């Protein structure tokens, strides 16, 4: 079973996406801010991280950089999730260390394809 760490501060987004992923057989672990996400990557060793980029405490950009700097977590795939689809955000996410990028609202079929490709 693929273990997904979902780092998302918005309760509605978090609940909806986690339920949809669990119904498809994924084991979903949740973190509600960037620092909790960095800590959870070490603690639960997920197969992939879905990282909201607009997070409290530590934003998703910095959380991703911290995950990449840790040799124990550096190779875990990360998909950036953001509601702010601004020009250059995809490049910024890749530069921060994300393997891919998706915009909200999440189109589940496309996200599942990205997860399958990266895990």
PDB file of N, CA and C in Angstrom:
ATOM      1  N   UNK A   1       0.842  -1.178   0.000  1.00  0.00           N
ATOM      2  CA  UNK A   1       0.000   0.000   0.000  1.00  0.00           C
ATOM      3  C   UNK A   1       0.891   1.245   0.000  1.00  0.00           C
ATOM      4  N   UNK A   2       0.600   2.169  -0.888  1.00  0.00           N
ATOM      5  CA  UNK A   2       1.354   3.414  -0.984  1.00  0.00           C
ATOM      6  C   UNK A   2       0.939   4.340   0.155  1.00  0.00           C
ATOM      7  N   UNK A   3       1.956   4.859   0.872  1.00  0.00           N
ATOM      8  CA  UNK A   3       1.703   5.790   1.975  1.00  0.00           C
ATOM      9  C   UNK A   3       1.935   7.210   1.465  1.00  0.00           C
ATOM     10  N   UNK A   4       0.899   8.035   1.622  1.00  0.00           N
ATOM     11  CA  UNK A   4       0.940   9.431   1.188  1.00  0.00           C
ATOM     12  C   UNK A   4       0.928  10.331   2.414  1.00  0.00           C
ATOM     13  N   UNK A   5       1.863  11.266   2.469  1.00  0.00           N
ATOM     14  CA  UNK A   5       1.806  12.325   3.472  1.00  0.00           C
ATOM     15  C   UNK A   5       1.131  13.521   2.807  1.00  0.00           C
ATOM     16  N   UNK A   6      -0.016  13.910   3.333  1.00  0.00           N
ATOM     17  CA  UNK A   6      -0.755  15.069   2.843  1.00  0.00           C
ATOM     18  C   UNK A   6      -0.506  16.219   3.808  1.00  0.00           C
ATOM     19  N   UNK A   7       0.183  17.254   3.327  1.00  0.00           N
ATOM     20  CA  UNK A   7       0.472  18.433   4.145  1.00  0.00           C
ATOM     21  C   UNK A   7      -0.462  19.540   3.661  1.00  0.00           C
ATOM     22  N   UNK A   8      -1.502  19.790   4.453  1.00  0.00           N
ATOM     23  CA  UNK A   8      -2.577  20.709   4.048  1.00  0.00           C
ATOM     24  C   UNK A   8      -3.186  21.338   5.292  1.00  0.00           C
ATOM     25  N   UNK A   9      -3.261  22.663   5.322  1.00  0.00           N
ATOM     26  CA  UNK A   9      -3.810  23.345   6.500  1.00  0.00           C
ATOM     27  C   UNK A   9      -5.311  23.573   6.423  1.00  0.00           C
ATOM     28  N   UNK A  10      -5.884  23.555   5.232  1.00  0.00           N
ATOM     29  CA  UNK A  10      -7.317  23.795   5.085  1.00  0.00           C
ATOM     30  C   UNK A  10      -8.078  22.506   5.388  1.00  0.00           C
ATOM     31  N   UNK A  11      -8.891  22.547   6.440  1.00  0.00           N
ATOM     32  CA  UNK A  11      -9.577  21.337   6.903  1.00  0.00           C
ATOM     33  C   UNK A  11     -10.471  20.719   5.837  1.00  0.00           C
ATOM     34  N   UNK A  12     -11.223  21.536   5.122  1.00  0.00           N
ATOM     35  CA  UNK A  12     -12.121  21.003   4.103  1.00  0.00           C
ATOM     36  C   UNK A  12     -11.321  20.329   2.983  1.00  0.00           C
ATOM     37  N   UNK A  13     -10.289  20.986   2.488  1.00  0.00           N
ATOM     38  CA  UNK A  13      -9.453  20.390   1.437  1.00  0.00           C
ATOM     39  C   UNK A  13      -8.806  19.100   1.924  1.00  0.00           C
ATOM     40  N   UNK A  14      -8.292  19.139   3.142  1.00  0.00           N
ATOM     41  CA  UNK A  14      -7.600  17.993   3.735  1.00  0.00           C
ATOM     42  C   UNK A  14      -8.545  16.798   3.862  1.00  0.00           C
ATOM     43  N   UNK A  15      -9.729  17.031   4.415  1.00  0.00           N
ATOM     44  CA  UNK A  15     -10.677  15.943   4.617  1.00  0.00           C
ATOM     45  C   UNK A  15     -11.164  15.359   3.289  1.00  0.00           C
ATOM     46  N   UNK A  16     -11.487  16.229   2.362  1.00  0.00           N
ATOM     47  CA  UNK A  16     -11.995  15.759   1.078  1.00  0.00           C
ATOM     48  C   UNK A  16     -10.937  14.938   0.339  1.00  0.00           C
ATOM     49  N   UNK A  17      -9.727  15.460   0.226  1.00  0.00           N
ATOM     50  CA  UNK A  17      -8.693  14.764  -0.531  1.00  0.00           C
ATOM     51  C   UNK A  17      -8.257  13.480   0.171  1.00  0.00           C
ATOM     52  N   UNK A  18      -8.112  13.523   1.480  1.00  0.00           N
ATOM     53  CA  UNK A  18      -7.681  12.315   2.187  1.00  0.00           C
ATOM     54  C   UNK A  18      -8.715  11.199   2.040  1.00  0.00           C
ATOM     55  N   UNK A  19      -9.981  11.523   2.141  1.00  0.00           N
ATOM     56  CA  UNK A  19     -11.038  10.501   1.971  1.00  0.00           C
ATOM     57  C   UNK A  19     -11.019   9.918   0.557  1.00  0.00           C
ATOM     58  N   UNK A  20     -10.856  10.766  -0.422  1.00  0.00           N
ATOM     59  CA  UNK A  20     -10.838  10.286  -1.811  1.00  0.00           C
ATOM     60  C   UNK A  20      -9.646   9.368  -2.056  1.00  0.00           C
ATOM     61  N   UNK A  21      -8.498   9.712  -1.481  1.00  0.00           N
ATOM     62  CA  UNK A  21      -7.308   8.876  -1.637  1.00  0.00           C
ATOM     63  C   UNK A  21      -7.438   7.557  -0.874  1.00  0.00           C
ATOM     64  N   UNK A  22      -7.972   7.625   0.336  1.00  0.00           N
ATOM     65  CA  UNK A  22      -8.156   6.400   1.133  1.00  0.00           C
ATOM     66  C   UNK A  22      -9.118   5.437   0.440  1.00  0.00           C
ATOM     67  N   UNK A  23     -10.162   5.952  -0.185  1.00  0.00           N
ATOM     68  CA  UNK A  23     -11.109   5.090  -0.916  1.00  0.00           C
ATOM     69  C   UNK A  23     -10.441   4.377  -2.088  1.00  0.00           C
ATOM     70  N   UNK A  24      -9.347   4.921  -2.559  1.00  0.00           N
ATOM     71  CA  UNK A  24      -8.609   4.293  -3.659  1.00  0.00           C
ATOM     72  C   UNK A  24      -7.456   3.430  -3.158  1.00  0.00           C
ATOM     73  N   UNK A  25      -7.435   3.183  -1.847  1.00  0.00           N
ATOM     74  CA  UNK A  25      -6.481   2.232  -1.294  1.00  0.00           C
ATOM     75  C   UNK A  25      -5.182   2.801  -0.776  1.00  0.00           C
ATOM     76  N   UNK A  26      -5.056   4.111  -0.720  1.00  0.00           N
ATOM     77  CA  UNK A  26      -3.840   4.714  -0.194  1.00  0.00           C
ATOM     78  C   UNK A  26      -3.914   4.835   1.318  1.00  0.00           C
ATOM     79  N   UNK A  27      -2.769   4.733   1.968  1.00  0.00           N
ATOM     80  CA  UNK A  27      -2.632   5.012   3.396  1.00  0.00           C
ATOM     81  C   UNK A  27      -2.253   6.490   3.491  1.00  0.00           C
ATOM     82  N   UNK A  28      -3.098   7.306   4.097  1.00  0.00           N
ATOM     83  CA  UNK A  28      -2.874   8.753   4.129  1.00  0.00           C
ATOM     84  C   UNK A  28      -2.534   9.199   5.546  1.00  0.00           C
ATOM     85  N   UNK A  29      -1.393   9.880   5.669  1.00  0.00           N
ATOM     86  CA  UNK A  29      -0.964  10.511   6.913  1.00  0.00           C
ATOM     87  C   UNK A  29      -1.102  12.009   6.695  1.00  0.00           C
ATOM     88  N   UNK A  30      -1.542  12.737   7.725  1.00  0.00           N
ATOM     89  CA  UNK A  30      -1.827  14.161   7.570  1.00  0.00           C
ATOM     90  C   UNK A  30      -0.928  15.010   8.463  1.00  0.00           C
ATOM     91  N   UNK A  31      -0.471  16.128   7.904  1.00  0.00           N
ATOM     92  CA  UNK A  31       0.206  17.180   8.663  1.00  0.00           C
ATOM     93  C   UNK A  31      -0.487  18.486   8.304  1.00  0.00           C
ATOM     94  N   UNK A  32      -0.614  19.398   9.292  1.00  0.00           N
ATOM     95  CA  UNK A  32      -1.419  20.600   9.076  1.00  0.00           C
ATOM     96  C   UNK A  32      -0.602  21.881   8.904  1.00  0.00           C
ATOM     97  N   UNK A  33       0.718  21.789   8.983  1.00  0.00           N
ATOM     98  CA  UNK A  33       1.566  22.942   8.681  1.00  0.00           C
ATOM     99  C   UNK A  33       2.902  22.439   8.148  1.00  0.00           C
ATOM    100  N   UNK A  34       3.703  23.357   7.638  1.00  0.00           N
ATOM    101  CA  UNK A  34       4.954  22.965   6.996  1.00  0.00           C
ATOM    102  C   UNK A  34       5.944  22.284   7.924  1.00  0.00           C
ATOM    103  N   UNK A  35       6.087  22.787   9.141  1.00  0.00           N
ATOM    104  CA  UNK A  35       7.023  22.153  10.067  1.00  0.00           C
ATOM    105  C   UNK A  35       6.546  20.761  10.452  1.00  0.00           C
ATOM    106  N   UNK A  36       5.242  20.608  10.683  1.00  0.00           N
ATOM    107  CA  UNK A  36       4.692  19.284  10.981  1.00  0.00           C
ATOM    108  C   UNK A  36       4.917  18.336   9.801  1.00  0.00           C
ATOM    109  N   UNK A  37       4.866  18.868   8.590  1.00  0.00           N
ATOM    110  CA  UNK A  37       5.137  18.062   7.400  1.00  0.00           C
ATOM    111  C   UNK A  37       6.568  17.587   7.347  1.00  0.00           C
ATOM    112  N   UNK A  38       7.507  18.492   7.635  1.00  0.00           N
ATOM    113  CA  UNK A  38       8.933  18.123   7.663  1.00  0.00           C
ATOM    114  C   UNK A  38       9.162  17.038   8.712  1.00  0.00           C
ATOM    115  N   UNK A  39       8.572  17.206   9.887  1.00  0.00           N
ATOM    116  CA  UNK A  39       8.717  16.219  10.964  1.00  0.00           C
ATOM    117  C   UNK A  39       8.081  14.886  10.572  1.00  0.00           C
ATOM    118  N   UNK A  40       6.904  14.932   9.956  1.00  0.00           N
ATOM    119  CA  UNK A  40       6.174  13.710   9.596  1.00  0.00           C
ATOM    120  C   UNK A  40       6.905  12.909   8.526  1.00  0.00           C
ATOM    121  N   UNK A  41       7.598  13.570   7.624  1.00  0.00           N
ATOM    122  CA  UNK A  41       8.351  12.851   6.592  1.00  0.00           C
ATOM    123  C   UNK A  41       9.387  11.945   7.253  1.00  0.00           C
ATOM    124  N   UNK A  42      10.048  12.460   8.278  1.00  0.00           N
ATOM    125  CA  UNK A  42      11.054  11.671   8.996  1.00  0.00           C
ATOM    126  C   UNK A  42      10.382  10.556   9.790  1.00  0.00           C
ATOM    127  N   UNK A  43       9.288  10.883  10.462  1.00  0.00           N
ATOM    128  CA  UNK A  43       8.626   9.929  11.354  1.00  0.00           C
ATOM    129  C   UNK A  43       7.916   8.792  10.623  1.00  0.00           C
ATOM    130  N   UNK A  44       7.245   9.087   9.515  1.00  0.00           N
ATOM    131  CA  UNK A  44       6.407   8.060   8.887  1.00  0.00           C
ATOM    132  C   UNK A  44       6.950   7.524   7.572  1.00  0.00           C
ATOM    133  N   UNK A  45       8.018   8.100   7.045  1.00  0.00           N
ATOM    134  CA  UNK A  45       8.642   7.624   5.805  1.00  0.00           C
ATOM    135  C   UNK A  45       7.617   7.336   4.704  1.00  0.00           C
ATOM    136  N   UNK A  46       6.920   8.370   4.237  1.00  0.00           N
ATOM    137  CA  UNK A  46       5.911   8.147   3.190  1.00  0.00           C
ATOM    138  C   UNK A  46       6.564   7.802   1.852  1.00  0.00           C
ATOM    139  N   UNK A  47       5.756   7.248   0.960  1.00  0.00           N
ATOM    140  CA  UNK A  47       6.221   6.965  -0.394  1.00  0.00           C
ATOM    141  C   UNK A  47       6.187   8.221  -1.256  1.00  0.00           C
ATOM    142  N   UNK A  48       5.319   9.167  -0.880  1.00  0.00           N
ATOM    143  CA  UNK A  48       5.169  10.415  -1.627  1.00  0.00           C
ATOM    144  C   UNK A  48       4.549  11.462  -0.706  1.00  0.00           C
ATOM    145  N   UNK A  49       4.841  12.735  -0.987  1.00  0.00           N
ATOM    146  CA  UNK A  49       4.297  13.855  -0.223  1.00  0.00           C
ATOM    147  C   UNK A  49       3.469  14.732  -1.158  1.00  0.00           C
ATOM    148  N   UNK A  50       2.259  15.084  -0.705  1.00  0.00           N
ATOM    149  CA  UNK A  50       1.443  16.093  -1.384  1.00  0.00           C
ATOM    150  C   UNK A  50       1.546  17.338  -0.518  1.00  0.00           C
ATOM    151  N   UNK A  51       2.214  18.366  -1.016  1.00  0.00           N
ATOM    152  CA  UNK A  51       2.582  19.538  -0.217  1.00  0.00           C
ATOM    153  C   UNK A  51       1.831  20.783  -0.668  1.00  0.00           C
ATOM    154  N   UNK A  52       0.897  21.241   0.172  1.00  0.00           N
ATOM    155  CA  UNK A  52       0.297  22.553  -0.057  1.00  0.00           C
ATOM    156  C   UNK A  52       1.422  23.575   0.068  1.00  0.00           C
ATOM    157  N   UNK A  53       1.414  24.603  -0.726  1.00  0.00           N
ATOM    158  CA  UNK A  53       2.511  25.564  -0.690  1.00  0.00           C
ATOM    159  C   UNK A  53       2.216  26.751   0.222  1.00  0.00           C
ATOM    160  N   UNK A  54       0.956  27.028   0.491  1.00  0.00           N
ATOM    161  CA  UNK A  54       0.574  28.136   1.375  1.00  0.00           C
ATOM    162  C   UNK A  54       0.206  27.563   2.739  1.00  0.00           C
ATOM    163  N   UNK A  55       1.216  27.393   3.582  1.00  0.00           N
ATOM    164  CA  UNK A  55       1.034  26.761   4.884  1.00  0.00           C
ATOM    165  C   UNK A  55       1.471  27.692   6.005  1.00  0.00           C
ATOM    166  N   UNK A  56       0.888  27.525   7.190  1.00  0.00           N
ATOM    167  CA  UNK A  56       1.368  28.281   8.350  1.00  0.00           C
ATOM    168  C   UNK A  56       2.657  27.665   8.909  1.00  0.00           C
ATOM    169  N   UNK A  57       3.291  28.382   9.806  1.00  0.00           N
ATOM    170  CA  UNK A  57       4.521  28.021  10.513  1.00  0.00           C
ATOM    171  C   UNK A  57       5.709  28.031   9.556  1.00  0.00           C
ATOM    172  N   UNK A  58       5.743  27.098   8.615  1.00  0.00           N
ATOM    173  CA  UNK A  58       6.753  27.058   7.550  1.00  0.00           C
ATOM    174  C   UNK A  58       5.984  26.827   6.259  1.00  0.00           C
ATOM    175  N   UNK A  59       6.196  27.670   5.244  1.00  0.00           N
ATOM    176  CA  UNK A  59       5.441  27.480   3.997  1.00  0.00           C
ATOM    177  C   UNK A  59       5.935  26.245   3.252  1.00  0.00           C
ATOM    178  N   UNK A  60       5.173  25.834   2.266  1.00  0.00           N
ATOM    179  CA  UNK A  60       5.489  24.622   1.520  1.00  0.00           C
ATOM    180  C   UNK A  60       6.788  24.693   0.749  1.00  0.00           C
ATOM    181  N   UNK A  61       7.163  25.887   0.308  1.00  0.00           N
ATOM    182  CA  UNK A  61       8.430  26.052  -0.420  1.00  0.00           C
ATOM    183  C   UNK A  61       9.596  25.695   0.507  1.00  0.00           C
ATOM    184  N   UNK A  62       9.590  26.281   1.697  1.00  0.00           N
ATOM    185  CA  UNK A  62      10.683  26.038   2.653  1.00  0.00           C
ATOM    186  C   UNK A  62      10.624  24.616   3.198  1.00  0.00           C
ATOM    187  N   UNK A  63       9.435  24.104   3.460  1.00  0.00           N
ATOM    188  CA  UNK A  63       9.314  22.717   3.936  1.00  0.00           C
ATOM    189  C   UNK A  63       9.913  21.755   2.912  1.00  0.00           C
ATOM    190  N   UNK A  64       9.648  21.996   1.650  1.00  0.00           N
ATOM    191  CA  UNK A  64      10.217  21.154   0.590  1.00  0.00           C
ATOM    192  C   UNK A  64      11.731  21.239   0.595  1.00  0.00           C
ATOM    193  N   UNK A  65      12.279  22.449   0.699  1.00  0.00           N
ATOM    194  CA  UNK A  65      13.743  22.600   0.736  1.00  0.00           C
ATOM    195  C   UNK A  65      14.345  21.845   1.921  1.00  0.00           C
ATOM    196  N   UNK A  66      13.678  21.898   3.077  1.00  0.00           N
ATOM    197  CA  UNK A  66      14.183  21.193   4.261  1.00  0.00           C
ATOM    198  C   UNK A  66      14.154  19.686   4.067  1.00  0.00           C
ATOM    199  N   UNK A  67      13.097  19.186   3.450  1.00  0.00           N
ATOM    200  CA  UNK A  67      13.008  17.749   3.170  1.00  0.00           C
ATOM    201  C   UNK A  67      14.140  17.335   2.232  1.00  0.00           C
ATOM    202  N   UNK A  68      14.418  18.143   1.245  1.00  0.00           N
ATOM    203  CA  UNK A  68      15.478  17.831   0.275  1.00  0.00           C
ATOM    204  C   UNK A  68      16.876  17.887   0.908  1.00  0.00           C
ATOM    205  N   UNK A  69      17.073  18.747   1.883  1.00  0.00           N
ATOM    206  CA  UNK A  69      18.398  18.866   2.529  1.00  0.00           C
ATOM    207  C   UNK A  69      18.716  17.684   3.445  1.00  0.00           C
ATOM    208  N   UNK A  70      17.704  16.950   3.900  1.00  0.00           N
ATOM    209  CA  UNK A  70      17.911  15.823   4.796  1.00  0.00           C
ATOM    210  C   UNK A  70      18.202  14.581   3.955  1.00  0.00           C
ATOM    211  N   UNK A  71      19.395  13.989   4.073  1.00  0.00           N
ATOM    212  CA  UNK A  71      19.719  12.808   3.259  1.00  0.00           C
ATOM    213  C   UNK A  71      18.726  11.654   3.433  1.00  0.00           C
ATOM    214  N   UNK A  72      18.103  11.546   4.600  1.00  0.00           N
ATOM    215  CA  UNK A  72      17.154  10.463   4.855  1.00  0.00           C
ATOM    216  C   UNK A  72      15.830  10.654   4.108  1.00  0.00           C
ATOM    217  N   UNK A  73      15.513  11.882   3.706  1.00  0.00           N
ATOM    218  CA  UNK A  73      14.226  12.158   3.057  1.00  0.00           C
ATOM    219  C   UNK A  73      14.370  12.776   1.671  1.00  0.00           C
ATOM    220  N   UNK A  74      15.591  13.019   1.244  1.00  0.00           N
ATOM    221  CA  UNK A  74      15.850  13.781   0.018  1.00  0.00           C
ATOM    222  C   UNK A  74      15.242  13.181  -1.241  1.00  0.00           C
ATOM    223  N   UNK A  75      15.081  11.868  -1.279  1.00  0.00           N
ATOM    224  CA  UNK A  75      14.610  11.223  -2.503  1.00  0.00           C
ATOM    225  C   UNK A  75      13.110  10.938  -2.523  1.00  0.00           C
ATOM    226  N   UNK A  76      12.390  11.333  -1.483  1.00  0.00           N
ATOM    227  CA  UNK A  76      10.939  11.096  -1.449  1.00  0.00           C
ATOM    228  C   UNK A  76      10.269  12.065  -2.430  1.00  0.00           C
ATOM    229  N   UNK A  77       9.465  11.554  -3.351  1.00  0.00           N
ATOM    230  CA  UNK A  77       8.796  12.437  -4.316  1.00  0.00           C
ATOM    231  C   UNK A  77       7.825  13.398  -3.619  1.00  0.00           C
ATOM    232  N   UNK A  78       7.781  14.626  -4.136  1.00  0.00           N
ATOM    233  CA  UNK A  78       6.892  15.660  -3.604  1.00  0.00           C
ATOM    234  C   UNK A  78       6.121  16.287  -4.758  1.00  0.00           C
ATOM    235  N   UNK A  79       4.804  16.355  -4.594  1.00  0.00           N
ATOM    236  CA  UNK A  79       3.953  17.064  -5.548  1.00  0.00           C
ATOM    237  C   UNK A  79       3.442  18.321  -4.856  1.00  0.00           C
ATOM    238  N   UNK A  80       3.737  19.472  -5.432  1.00  0.00           N
ATOM    239  CA  UNK A  80       3.248  20.748  -4.908  1.00  0.00           C
ATOM    240  C   UNK A  80       1.771  20.887  -5.241  1.00  0.00           C
ATOM    241  N   UNK A  81       0.996  21.360  -4.265  1.00  0.00           N
ATOM    242  CA  UNK A  81      -0.429  21.651  -4.473  1.00  0.00           C
ATOM    243  C   UNK A  81      -0.648  23.117  -4.139  1.00  0.00           C
ATOM    244  N   UNK A  82      -1.270  23.849  -5.043  1.00  0.00           N
ATOM    245  CA  UNK A  82      -1.518  25.256  -4.765  1.00  0.00           C
ATOM    246  C   UNK A  82      -2.770  25.759  -5.454  1.00  0.00           C
ATOM    247  N   UNK A  83      -3.443  26.670  -4.787  1.00  0.00           N
ATOM    248  CA  UNK A  83      -4.605  27.333  -5.377  1.00  0.00           C
ATOM    249  C   UNK A  83      -4.168  28.554  -6.174  1.00  0.00           C
ATOM    250  N   UNK A  84      -2.934  28.947  -6.020  1.00  0.00           N
ATOM    251  CA  UNK A  84      -2.414  30.156  -6.667  1.00  0.00           C
ATOM    252  C   UNK A  84      -1.620  29.771  -7.904  1.00  0.00           C
ATOM    253  N   UNK A  85      -2.323  29.557  -8.999  1.00  0.00           N
ATOM    254  CA  UNK A  85      -1.685  29.149 -10.240  1.00  0.00           C
ATOM    255  C   UNK A  85      -1.160  30.377 -10.973  1.00  0.00           C
ATOM    256  N   UNK A  86      -0.122  30.955 -10.427  1.00  0.00           N
ATOM    257  CA  UNK A  86       0.476  32.149 -11.010  1.00  0.00           C
ATOM    258  C   UNK A  86       1.578  31.748 -11.985  1.00  0.00           C
ATOM    259  N   UNK A  87       1.858  32.627 -12.921  1.00  0.00           N
ATOM    260  CA  UNK A  87       2.958  32.375 -13.844  1.00  0.00           C
ATOM    261  C   UNK A  87       4.241  32.192 -13.043  1.00  0.00           C
ATOM    262  N   UNK A  88       4.960  31.143 -13.339  1.00  0.00           N
ATOM    263  CA  UNK A  88       6.216  30.877 -12.661  1.00  0.00           C
ATOM    264  C   UNK A  88       6.103  29.999 -11.432  1.00  0.00           C
ATOM    265  N   UNK A  89       4.879  29.712 -10.957  1.00  0.00           N
ATOM    266  CA  UNK A  89       4.739  28.870  -9.760  1.00  0.00           C
ATOM    267  C   UNK A  89       5.239  27.452  -9.997  1.00  0.00           C
ATOM    268  N   UNK A  90       4.979  26.895 -11.170  1.00  0.00           N
ATOM    269  CA  UNK A  90       5.461  25.543 -11.465  1.00  0.00           C
ATOM    270  C   UNK A  90       6.984  25.507 -11.394  1.00  0.00           C
ATOM    271  N   UNK A  91       7.624  26.485 -12.019  1.00  0.00           N
ATOM    272  CA  UNK A  91       9.083  26.537 -12.007  1.00  0.00           C
ATOM    273  C   UNK A  91       9.612  26.749 -10.593  1.00  0.00           C
ATOM    274  N   UNK A  92       8.928  27.592  -9.819  1.00  0.00           N
ATOM    275  CA  UNK A  92       9.329  27.832  -8.436  1.00  0.00           C
ATOM    276  C   UNK A  92       9.231  26.545  -7.615  1.00  0.00           C
ATOM    277  N   UNK A  93       8.181  25.760  -7.843  1.00  0.00           N
ATOM    278  CA  UNK A  93       8.003  24.495  -7.126  1.00  0.00           C
ATOM    279  C   UNK A  93       9.103  23.508  -7.493  1.00  0.00           C
ATOM    280  N   UNK A  94       9.417  23.406  -8.762  1.00  0.00           N
ATOM    281  CA  UNK A  94      10.472  22.493  -9.207  1.00  0.00           C
ATOM    282  C   UNK A  94      11.815  22.951  -8.642  1.00  0.00           C
ATOM    283  N   UNK A  95      12.055  24.245  -8.668  1.00  0.00           N
ATOM    284  CA  UNK A  95      13.302  24.800  -8.124  1.00  0.00           C
ATOM    285  C   UNK A  95      13.431  24.521  -6.621  1.00  0.00           C
ATOM    286  N   UNK A  96      12.310  24.545  -5.894  1.00  0.00           N
ATOM    287  CA  UNK A  96      12.335  24.269  -4.455  1.00  0.00           C
ATOM    288  C   UNK A  96      12.600  22.795  -4.170  1.00  0.00           C
ATOM    289  N   UNK A  97      12.376  21.933  -5.180  1.00  0.00           N
ATOM    290  CA  UNK A  97      12.640  20.516  -5.000  1.00  0.00           C
ATOM    291  C   UNK A  97      11.454  19.612  -5.252  1.00  0.00           C
ATOM    292  N   UNK A  98      10.334  20.173  -5.682  1.00  0.00           N
ATOM    293  CA  UNK A  98       9.163  19.336  -5.975  1.00  0.00           C
ATOM    294  C   UNK A  98       9.385  18.580  -7.278  1.00  0.00           C
ATOM    295  N   UNK A  99       8.827  17.384  -7.350  1.00  0.00           N
ATOM    296  CA  UNK A  99       8.930  16.579  -8.559  1.00  0.00           C
ATOM    297  C   UNK A  99       7.847  16.921  -9.565  1.00  0.00           C
ATOM    298  N   UNK A 100       6.730  17.450  -9.068  1.00  0.00           N
ATOM    299  CA  UNK A 100       5.619  17.807  -9.943  1.00  0.00           C
ATOM    300  C   UNK A 100       4.777  18.866  -9.236  1.00  0.00           C
ATOM    301  N   UNK A 101       3.720  19.291  -9.899  1.00  0.00           N
ATOM    302  CA  UNK A 101       2.938  20.443  -9.465  1.00  0.00           C
ATOM    303  C   UNK A 101       1.491  20.213  -9.880  1.00  0.00           C
ATOM    304  N   UNK A 102       0.552  20.571  -9.011  1.00  0.00           N
ATOM    305  CA  UNK A 102      -0.860  20.472  -9.354  1.00  0.00           C
ATOM    306  C   UNK A 102      -1.588  21.662  -8.747  1.00  0.00           C
ATOM    307  N   UNK A 103      -2.646  22.088  -9.414  1.00  0.00           N
ATOM    308  CA  UNK A 103      -3.399  23.237  -8.932  1.00  0.00           C
ATOM    309  C   UNK A 103      -4.714  22.787  -8.298  1.00  0.00           C
ATOM    310  N   UNK A 104      -5.188  23.614  -7.378  1.00  0.00           N
ATOM    311  CA  UNK A 104      -6.487  23.390  -6.743  1.00  0.00           C
ATOM    312  C   UNK A 104      -7.530  24.194  -7.507  1.00  0.00           C
ATOM    313  N   UNK A 105      -8.745  23.721  -7.609  1.00  0.00           N
ATOM    314  CA  UNK A 105      -9.212  22.461  -7.033  1.00  0.00           C
ATOM    315  C   UNK A 105      -8.567  21.276  -7.743  1.00  0.00           C
ATOM    316  N   UNK A 106      -8.291  20.241  -6.973  1.00  0.00           N
ATOM    317  CA  UNK A 106      -7.599  19.062  -7.478  1.00  0.00           C
ATOM    318  C   UNK A 106      -8.511  18.277  -8.410  1.00  0.00           C
ATOM    319  N   UNK A 107      -7.983  17.951  -9.569  1.00  0.00           N
ATOM    320  CA  UNK A 107      -8.651  17.051 -10.501  1.00  0.00           C
ATOM    321  C   UNK A 107      -8.047  15.685 -10.200  1.00  0.00           C
ATOM    322  N   UNK A 108      -8.814  14.817  -9.530  1.00  0.00           N
ATOM    323  CA  UNK A 108      -8.291  13.589  -8.938  1.00  0.00           C
ATOM    324  C   UNK A 108      -7.631  12.656  -9.948  1.00  0.00           C
ATOM    325  N   UNK A 109      -8.212  12.471 -11.100  1.00  0.00           N
ATOM    326  CA  UNK A 109      -7.636  11.550 -12.087  1.00  0.00           C
ATOM    327  C   UNK A 109      -6.217  11.968 -12.465  1.00  0.00           C
ATOM    328  N   UNK A 110      -6.016  13.250 -12.681  1.00  0.00           N
ATOM    329  CA  UNK A 110      -4.683  13.746 -13.024  1.00  0.00           C
ATOM    330  C   UNK A 110      -3.702  13.583 -11.878  1.00  0.00           C
ATOM    331  N   UNK A 111      -4.159  13.851 -10.660  1.00  0.00           N
ATOM    332  CA  UNK A 111      -3.294  13.679  -9.493  1.00  0.00           C
ATOM    333  C   UNK A 111      -2.918  12.218  -9.313  1.00  0.00           C
ATOM    334  N   UNK A 112      -3.871  11.314  -9.497  1.00  0.00           N
ATOM    335  CA  UNK A 112      -3.578   9.884  -9.365  1.00  0.00           C
ATOM    336  C   UNK A 112      -2.542   9.431 -10.392  1.00  0.00           C
ATOM    337  N   UNK A 113      -2.601   9.982 -11.598  1.00  0.00           N
ATOM    338  CA  UNK A 113      -1.593   9.659 -12.622  1.00  0.00           C
ATOM    339  C   UNK A 113      -0.208  10.112 -12.175  1.00  0.00           C
ATOM    340  N   UNK A 114      -0.126  11.298 -11.596  1.00  0.00           N
ATOM    341  CA  UNK A 114       1.165  11.802 -11.120  1.00  0.00           C
ATOM    342  C   UNK A 114       1.700  10.950  -9.973  1.00  0.00           C
ATOM    343  N   UNK A 115       0.816  10.565  -9.053  1.00  0.00           N
ATOM    344  CA  UNK A 115       1.231   9.710  -7.936  1.00  0.00           C
ATOM    345  C   UNK A 115       1.749   8.381  -8.475  1.00  0.00           C
ATOM    346  N   UNK A 116       1.032   7.786  -9.401  1.00  0.00           N
ATOM    347  CA  UNK A 116       1.441   6.500  -9.969  1.00  0.00           C
ATOM    348  C   UNK A 116       2.800   6.615 -10.657  1.00  0.00           C
ATOM    349  N   UNK A 117       3.017   7.694 -11.368  1.00  0.00           N
ATOM    350  CA  UNK A 117       4.272   7.890 -12.092  1.00  0.00           C
ATOM    351  C   UNK A 117       5.460   8.057 -11.143  1.00  0.00           C
ATOM    352  N   UNK A 118       5.220   8.673  -9.980  1.00  0.00           N
ATOM    353  CA  UNK A 118       6.314   8.988  -9.067  1.00  0.00           C
ATOM    354  C   UNK A 118       6.559   7.934  -7.993  1.00  0.00           C
ATOM    355  N   UNK A 119       5.642   6.982  -7.821  1.00  0.00           N
ATOM    356  CA  UNK A 119       5.830   5.972  -6.769  1.00  0.00           C
ATOM    357  C   UNK A 119       6.147   4.604  -7.341  1.00  0.00           C
TER     358      UNK A 119
END
